[in-house]
Amino acid sequence: MKEIQNREDIFLLVSTFYSKIKKDSLLGPIFDLHISEDQWPNHLEKLTDFWVTNLLGISCFKGNPIQAHKTVDKNLNYTIEQKHFGQWLQLWFSTIDSLFKGELANKAKKSARRMSTGLFLAMYNNRL
């Protein structure tokens, strides 16, 4: 296994991860409802931009993940739960562990754990 070094590595991580998400019985239907098959290539590039910004410090991401997740939760009648984020994290960690090791792999795990908590709280607080 190697360390995460560049955009190509991050794209491999993101695309491998989301191929698992799409097949997941809990998360797949949520993504299918919000991202059509022809939208996936652009979505993967945007998510790669997000992780490049987060892991490599190269500012290339443009978007608002909190608002996007609030919209998804609203579209699903506010039914997103902690178990959804737990499953997302489990798949993210296992994908990282299958492909990479080292400092940036660990940073990707730590960042995802922190962000998932923040996103869930933002969605939950939006319901009040």
Protein backbone atom coordinates (compact mmCIF):
# COMPACT_ATOMS: atom_id res chain seq x y z
CA MET A 1 0.00 0.00 0.00
CA LYS A 2 1.06 3.53 -0.65
CA GLU A 3 0.46 6.94 0.83
CA ILE A 4 -1.94 9.50 -0.63
CA GLN A 5 0.21 11.88 -2.64
CA ASN A 6 -1.82 13.68 -5.29
CA ARG A 7 -5.18 14.32 -6.98
CA GLU A 8 -5.02 11.01 -8.84
CA ASP A 9 -4.76 9.13 -5.55
CA ILE A 10 -7.66 11.07 -4.11
CA PHE A 11 -9.77 10.45 -7.21
CA LEU A 12 -9.07 6.73 -6.85
CA LEU A 13 -10.16 6.88 -3.21
CA VAL A 14 -13.32 8.89 -3.96
CA SER A 15 -14.39 6.85 -6.98
CA THR A 16 -13.74 3.51 -5.25
CA PHE A 17 -15.64 4.69 -2.19
CA TYR A 18 -18.68 5.91 -4.11
CA SER A 19 -18.84 2.71 -6.14
CA LYS A 20 -19.34 1.00 -2.75
CA ILE A 21 -21.87 3.63 -1.65
CA LYS A 22 -23.96 3.08 -4.78
CA LYS A 23 -24.17 -0.66 -4.00
CA ASP A 24 -24.90 -0.21 -0.30
CA SER A 25 -28.44 -1.19 0.71
CA LEU A 26 -28.78 1.67 3.23
CA LEU A 27 -27.02 4.51 1.40
CA GLY A 28 -27.36 3.57 -2.27
CA PRO A 29 -31.07 4.44 -2.56
CA ILE A 30 -30.46 7.88 -1.04
CA PHE A 31 -27.75 8.68 -3.56
CA ASP A 32 -29.79 7.19 -6.43
CA LEU A 33 -32.65 9.53 -5.57
CA HIS A 34 -30.44 12.63 -5.64
CA ILE A 35 -27.73 11.91 -8.23
CA SER A 36 -28.61 10.51 -11.65
CA GLU A 37 -26.18 8.20 -13.40
CA ASP A 38 -25.15 10.93 -15.86
CA GLN A 39 -24.42 13.32 -12.96
CA TRP A 40 -21.94 10.98 -11.25
CA PRO A 41 -18.82 11.94 -13.25
CA ASN A 42 -19.21 15.62 -12.32
CA HIS A 43 -20.13 14.73 -8.75
CA LEU A 44 -17.00 12.59 -8.37
CA GLU A 45 -14.85 15.46 -9.65
CA LYS A 46 -16.50 17.84 -7.18
CA LEU A 47 -15.95 15.40 -4.31
CA THR A 48 -12.36 14.93 -5.42
CA ASP A 49 -11.97 18.72 -5.32
CA PHE A 50 -13.36 18.66 -1.78
CA TRP A 51 -10.83 16.08 -0.58
CA VAL A 52 -7.93 17.68 -2.48
CA THR A 53 -8.71 20.92 -0.65
CA ASN A 54 -9.02 19.09 2.67
CA LEU A 55 -6.02 16.76 2.40
CA LEU A 56 -3.55 18.59 0.17
CA GLY A 57 -4.47 22.17 1.05
CA ILE A 58 -4.98 23.10 -2.60
CA SER A 59 -8.05 25.33 -2.71
CA CYS A 60 -10.19 24.00 -5.54
CA PHE A 61 -13.52 23.04 -3.96
CA LYS A 62 -16.55 25.19 -4.57
CA GLY A 63 -19.74 24.18 -2.83
CA ASN A 64 -21.75 24.11 0.36
CA PRO A 65 -21.85 20.59 1.83
CA ILE A 66 -23.99 21.66 4.79
CA GLN A 67 -26.72 23.09 2.57
CA ALA A 68 -26.55 20.07 0.25
CA HIS A 69 -27.06 17.68 3.15
CA LYS A 70 -29.88 19.79 4.61
CA THR A 71 -31.62 19.61 1.24
CA VAL A 72 -31.23 15.84 1.05
CA ASP A 73 -32.63 15.47 4.57
CA LYS A 74 -35.60 17.69 3.69
CA ASN A 75 -36.24 15.72 0.48
CA LEU A 76 -36.35 12.55 2.59
CA ASN A 77 -38.82 14.05 5.08
CA TYR A 78 -36.07 14.52 7.68
CA THR A 79 -35.36 10.80 8.02
CA ILE A 80 -31.56 10.83 7.83
CA GLU A 81 -30.22 9.34 11.05
CA GLN A 82 -26.88 8.78 12.73
CA LYS A 83 -26.85 5.22 11.35
CA HIS A 84 -26.56 6.67 7.84
CA PHE A 85 -23.46 8.62 8.80
CA GLY A 86 -22.11 5.61 10.67
CA GLN A 87 -22.44 3.45 7.57
CA TRP A 88 -20.86 6.18 5.43
CA LEU A 89 -17.89 6.34 7.82
CA GLN A 90 -17.50 2.56 7.91
CA LEU A 91 -17.34 2.40 4.11
CA TRP A 92 -14.99 5.41 3.96
CA PHE A 93 -12.59 3.88 6.50
CA SER A 94 -12.60 0.45 4.85
CA THR A 95 -11.96 2.01 1.44
CA ILE A 96 -9.05 4.04 2.77
CA ASP A 97 -7.61 1.00 4.54
CA SER A 98 -7.83 -1.07 1.36
CA LEU A 99 -5.93 1.48 -0.73
CA PHE A 100 -3.70 3.71 1.39
CA LYS A 101 -1.67 4.10 4.55
CA GLY A 102 0.10 6.99 6.23
CA GLU A 103 -0.48 10.49 7.44
CA LEU A 104 -2.97 11.68 4.81
CA ALA A 105 -4.96 8.44 5.04
CA ASN A 106 -5.29 9.04 8.77
CA LYS A 107 -6.17 12.69 8.16
CA ALA A 108 -8.91 11.60 5.75
CA LYS A 109 -10.40 9.38 8.46
CA LYS A 110 -10.16 12.04 11.17
CA SER A 111 -11.61 14.73 8.90
CA ALA A 112 -14.48 12.49 7.83
CA ARG A 113 -15.35 11.65 11.43
CA ARG A 114 -15.37 15.34 12.37
CA MET A 115 -17.32 16.40 9.28
CA SER A 116 -19.94 13.68 9.63
CA THR A 117 -20.69 14.85 13.16
CA GLY A 118 -20.93 18.48 12.01
CA LEU A 119 -23.15 17.64 9.04
CA PHE A 120 -25.51 15.53 11.12
CA LEU A 121 -25.81 18.25 13.76
CA ALA A 122 -26.45 20.90 11.10
CA MET A 123 -29.19 18.74 9.58
CA TYR A 124 -30.71 17.98 12.98
CA ASN A 125 -30.66 21.64 14.05
CA ASN A 126 -32.30 22.57 10.75
CA ARG A 127 -35.29 20.43 11.77
CA LEU A 128 -36.00 22.42 14.93
